[in-house]
Amino acid sequence: MSTVAPTAVILGAYGGMGSAVAERLASNGYNLVLLGRNTQRLSALKSQLLANYSVQIADYAVDACDANAMAAVASKVTAESQ
């Protein structure tokens, strides 16, 4: 029987609290979906986490105030998880 690791979605992932939550969840084996506005900071966090933990991580640059953009990311994440 194989188990699937849980996945967490973190908005504002590269900021102080978001980064700390991402680190804690990755250390506990969670796969992550990192969301934030700054592509470079998301990429840096993703690289750091992948260097330290054996988890899967997707990152998307998105403005949480843009409902259409958030809906598009949600659709993409849902499609990729199937």
N, C-alpha and C. Protein backbone atom coordinates (compact mmCIF):
# COMPACT_ATOMS: atom_id res chain seq x y z
N MET A 1 0.85 -1.18 0.00
CA MET A 1 0.00 0.00 0.00
C MET A 1 0.89 1.24 0.00
N SER A 2 0.67 2.13 -0.95
CA SER A 2 1.48 3.34 -0.98
C SER A 2 0.68 4.51 -0.41
N THR A 3 1.39 5.41 0.20
CA THR A 3 0.73 6.59 0.75
C THR A 3 1.13 7.81 -0.05
N VAL A 4 0.22 8.74 -0.14
CA VAL A 4 0.47 9.98 -0.86
C VAL A 4 0.71 11.07 0.18
N ALA A 5 1.78 11.81 -0.01
CA ALA A 5 2.09 12.89 0.92
C ALA A 5 1.02 13.98 0.82
N PRO A 6 0.66 14.57 1.94
CA PRO A 6 -0.29 15.68 1.89
C PRO A 6 0.34 16.89 1.19
N THR A 7 -0.51 17.74 0.66
CA THR A 7 -0.05 18.95 -0.03
C THR A 7 -0.64 20.17 0.66
N ALA A 8 0.18 21.18 0.84
CA ALA A 8 -0.25 22.45 1.44
C ALA A 8 -0.04 23.57 0.44
N VAL A 9 -1.01 24.48 0.39
CA VAL A 9 -0.92 25.68 -0.44
C VAL A 9 -0.60 26.85 0.50
N ILE A 10 0.46 27.58 0.18
CA ILE A 10 0.89 28.69 1.03
C ILE A 10 0.91 29.98 0.23
N LEU A 11 0.07 30.91 0.61
CA LEU A 11 0.00 32.23 -0.03
C LEU A 11 0.92 33.19 0.71
N GLY A 12 1.71 33.95 -0.02
CA GLY A 12 2.70 34.82 0.62
C GLY A 12 3.86 33.99 1.13
N ALA A 13 4.21 32.97 0.36
CA ALA A 13 5.14 31.94 0.82
C ALA A 13 6.54 32.45 1.14
N TYR A 14 7.02 33.43 0.44
CA TYR A 14 8.42 33.82 0.64
C TYR A 14 8.60 34.82 1.77
N GLY A 15 7.52 35.34 2.34
CA GLY A 15 7.63 36.28 3.45
C GLY A 15 7.96 35.56 4.74
N GLY A 16 8.17 36.29 5.80
CA GLY A 16 8.58 35.74 7.08
C GLY A 16 7.74 34.57 7.56
N MET A 17 6.46 34.79 7.80
CA MET A 17 5.58 33.74 8.31
C MET A 17 5.38 32.65 7.26
N GLY A 18 5.15 33.05 6.01
CA GLY A 18 4.94 32.07 4.95
C GLY A 18 6.14 31.18 4.74
N SER A 19 7.33 31.76 4.80
CA SER A 19 8.56 31.00 4.64
C SER A 19 8.74 30.02 5.79
N ALA A 20 8.44 30.46 7.00
CA ALA A 20 8.56 29.60 8.17
C ALA A 20 7.58 28.43 8.10
N VAL A 21 6.35 28.71 7.65
CA VAL A 21 5.35 27.65 7.51
C VAL A 21 5.79 26.67 6.42
N ALA A 22 6.29 27.18 5.31
CA ALA A 22 6.76 26.31 4.23
C ALA A 22 7.88 25.40 4.72
N GLU A 23 8.81 25.96 5.46
CA GLU A 23 9.94 25.19 6.01
C GLU A 23 9.42 24.09 6.94
N ARG A 24 8.51 24.44 7.83
CA ARG A 24 7.99 23.46 8.79
C ARG A 24 7.23 22.34 8.08
N LEU A 25 6.39 22.71 7.14
CA LEU A 25 5.61 21.69 6.44
C LEU A 25 6.51 20.78 5.60
N ALA A 26 7.48 21.36 4.91
CA ALA A 26 8.41 20.55 4.12
C ALA A 26 9.19 19.59 5.02
N SER A 27 9.58 20.06 6.20
CA SER A 27 10.32 19.20 7.12
C SER A 27 9.46 18.05 7.63
N ASN A 28 8.15 18.21 7.55
CA ASN A 28 7.22 17.15 7.95
C ASN A 28 6.70 16.35 6.76
N GLY A 29 7.32 16.54 5.59
CA GLY A 29 7.02 15.71 4.43
C GLY A 29 5.88 16.18 3.55
N TYR A 30 5.38 17.39 3.77
CA TYR A 30 4.31 17.91 2.94
C TYR A 30 4.86 18.36 1.59
N ASN A 31 4.14 18.06 0.52
CA ASN A 31 4.41 18.69 -0.76
C ASN A 31 3.81 20.09 -0.69
N LEU A 32 4.37 21.01 -1.46
CA LEU A 32 3.97 22.42 -1.33
C LEU A 32 3.57 23.04 -2.65
N VAL A 33 2.62 23.95 -2.57
CA VAL A 33 2.29 24.86 -3.66
C VAL A 33 2.54 26.25 -3.09
N LEU A 34 3.57 26.91 -3.59
CA LEU A 34 3.97 28.22 -3.09
C LEU A 34 3.39 29.32 -3.98
N LEU A 35 2.71 30.27 -3.37
CA LEU A 35 2.10 31.37 -4.11
C LEU A 35 2.62 32.70 -3.58
N GLY A 36 2.87 33.63 -4.49
CA GLY A 36 3.31 34.97 -4.12
C GLY A 36 3.48 35.81 -5.37
N ARG A 37 3.76 37.08 -5.18
CA ARG A 37 3.87 37.97 -6.33
C ARG A 37 5.25 38.00 -6.96
N ASN A 38 6.28 37.67 -6.22
CA ASN A 38 7.65 37.85 -6.68
C ASN A 38 8.24 36.51 -7.14
N THR A 39 8.39 36.38 -8.44
CA THR A 39 8.89 35.14 -9.04
C THR A 39 10.26 34.76 -8.52
N GLN A 40 11.16 35.73 -8.42
CA GLN A 40 12.53 35.44 -7.98
C GLN A 40 12.57 34.94 -6.54
N ARG A 41 11.79 35.55 -5.67
CA ARG A 41 11.77 35.13 -4.27
C ARG A 41 11.13 33.76 -4.11
N LEU A 42 10.09 33.50 -4.89
CA LEU A 42 9.47 32.16 -4.87
C LEU A 42 10.47 31.10 -5.32
N SER A 43 11.18 31.40 -6.40
CA SER A 43 12.16 30.47 -6.94
C SER A 43 13.29 30.20 -5.94
N ALA A 44 13.74 31.24 -5.26
CA ALA A 44 14.80 31.09 -4.26
C ALA A 44 14.34 30.21 -3.10
N LEU A 45 13.12 30.44 -2.62
CA LEU A 45 12.59 29.62 -1.54
C LEU A 45 12.43 28.17 -1.99
N LYS A 46 11.90 27.99 -3.19
CA LYS A 46 11.73 26.64 -3.72
C LYS A 46 13.07 25.91 -3.78
N SER A 47 14.10 26.58 -4.29
CA SER A 47 15.43 25.97 -4.39
C SER A 47 15.97 25.59 -3.02
N GLN A 48 15.80 26.48 -2.07
CA GLN A 48 16.27 26.24 -0.70
C GLN A 48 15.58 25.02 -0.10
N LEU A 49 14.28 24.95 -0.25
CA LEU A 49 13.53 23.84 0.32
C LEU A 49 13.86 22.52 -0.37
N LEU A 50 14.00 22.54 -1.69
CA LEU A 50 14.33 21.32 -2.42
C LEU A 50 15.73 20.81 -2.07
N ALA A 51 16.63 21.72 -1.72
CA ALA A 51 17.98 21.32 -1.33
C ALA A 51 17.98 20.61 0.03
N ASN A 52 16.96 20.88 0.84
CA ASN A 52 16.94 20.33 2.20
C ASN A 52 15.92 19.23 2.44
N TYR A 53 14.91 19.13 1.58
CA TYR A 53 13.82 18.19 1.82
C TYR A 53 13.43 17.45 0.55
N SER A 54 13.01 16.21 0.71
CA SER A 54 12.57 15.38 -0.42
C SER A 54 11.06 15.52 -0.58
N VAL A 55 10.64 16.66 -1.09
CA VAL A 55 9.23 16.94 -1.31
C VAL A 55 9.05 17.49 -2.72
N GLN A 56 7.83 17.52 -3.17
CA GLN A 56 7.51 18.13 -4.46
C GLN A 56 7.02 19.55 -4.20
N ILE A 57 7.48 20.49 -5.02
CA ILE A 57 7.10 21.88 -4.83
C ILE A 57 6.77 22.51 -6.17
N ALA A 58 5.61 23.15 -6.22
CA ALA A 58 5.22 23.97 -7.37
C ALA A 58 5.15 25.41 -6.89
N ASP A 59 5.54 26.34 -7.74
CA ASP A 59 5.46 27.75 -7.36
C ASP A 59 4.80 28.54 -8.47
N TYR A 60 3.97 29.49 -8.07
CA TYR A 60 3.23 30.31 -9.02
C TYR A 60 3.26 31.76 -8.57
N ALA A 61 3.65 32.63 -9.46
CA ALA A 61 3.59 34.06 -9.19
C ALA A 61 2.17 34.53 -9.47
N VAL A 62 1.52 35.07 -8.44
CA VAL A 62 0.13 35.50 -8.59
C VAL A 62 -0.16 36.59 -7.56
N ASP A 63 -1.00 37.53 -7.96
CA ASP A 63 -1.45 38.59 -7.05
C ASP A 63 -2.77 38.14 -6.44
N ALA A 64 -2.80 37.95 -5.14
CA ALA A 64 -3.99 37.45 -4.45
C ALA A 64 -5.18 38.39 -4.58
N CYS A 65 -4.94 39.63 -4.92
CA CYS A 65 -6.03 40.60 -5.10
C CYS A 65 -6.71 40.47 -6.46
N ASP A 66 -6.14 39.68 -7.34
CA ASP A 66 -6.68 39.48 -8.68
C ASP A 66 -7.44 38.15 -8.71
N ALA A 67 -8.75 38.24 -8.57
CA ALA A 67 -9.60 37.04 -8.49
C ALA A 67 -9.45 36.14 -9.71
N ASN A 68 -9.34 36.72 -10.88
CA ASN A 68 -9.19 35.92 -12.11
C ASN A 68 -7.88 35.16 -12.11
N ALA A 69 -6.82 35.82 -11.68
CA ALA A 69 -5.51 35.17 -11.62
C ALA A 69 -5.51 34.04 -10.60
N MET A 70 -6.15 34.27 -9.45
CA MET A 70 -6.23 33.22 -8.43
C MET A 70 -7.03 32.03 -8.93
N ALA A 71 -8.12 32.30 -9.65
CA ALA A 71 -8.93 31.22 -10.22
C ALA A 71 -8.13 30.41 -11.24
N ALA A 72 -7.34 31.11 -12.04
CA ALA A 72 -6.51 30.43 -13.04
C ALA A 72 -5.47 29.53 -12.38
N VAL A 73 -4.85 30.02 -11.32
CA VAL A 73 -3.86 29.20 -10.60
C VAL A 73 -4.55 28.00 -9.95
N ALA A 74 -5.71 28.22 -9.35
CA ALA A 74 -6.44 27.12 -8.73
C ALA A 74 -6.78 26.04 -9.75
N SER A 75 -7.19 26.45 -10.93
CA SER A 75 -7.50 25.48 -11.99
C SER A 75 -6.25 24.73 -12.42
N LYS A 76 -5.15 25.44 -12.54
CA LYS A 76 -3.89 24.82 -12.95
C LYS A 76 -3.42 23.81 -11.90
N VAL A 77 -3.46 24.18 -10.65
CA VAL A 77 -3.04 23.28 -9.58
C VAL A 77 -3.92 22.04 -9.54
N THR A 78 -5.21 22.23 -9.69
CA THR A 78 -6.14 21.10 -9.69
C THR A 78 -5.86 20.17 -10.86
N ALA A 79 -5.65 20.72 -12.05
CA ALA A 79 -5.38 19.91 -13.23
C ALA A 79 -4.07 19.14 -13.09
N GLU A 80 -3.05 19.77 -12.52
CA GLU A 80 -1.75 19.12 -12.37
C GLU A 80 -1.76 18.04 -11.31
N SER A 81 -2.69 18.10 -10.38
CA SER A 81 -2.72 17.11 -9.30
C SER A 81 -3.48 15.84 -9.69
N GLN A 82 -4.09 15.85 -10.85
CA GLN A 82 -4.87 14.68 -11.27
C GLN A 82 -4.10 13.79 -12.20
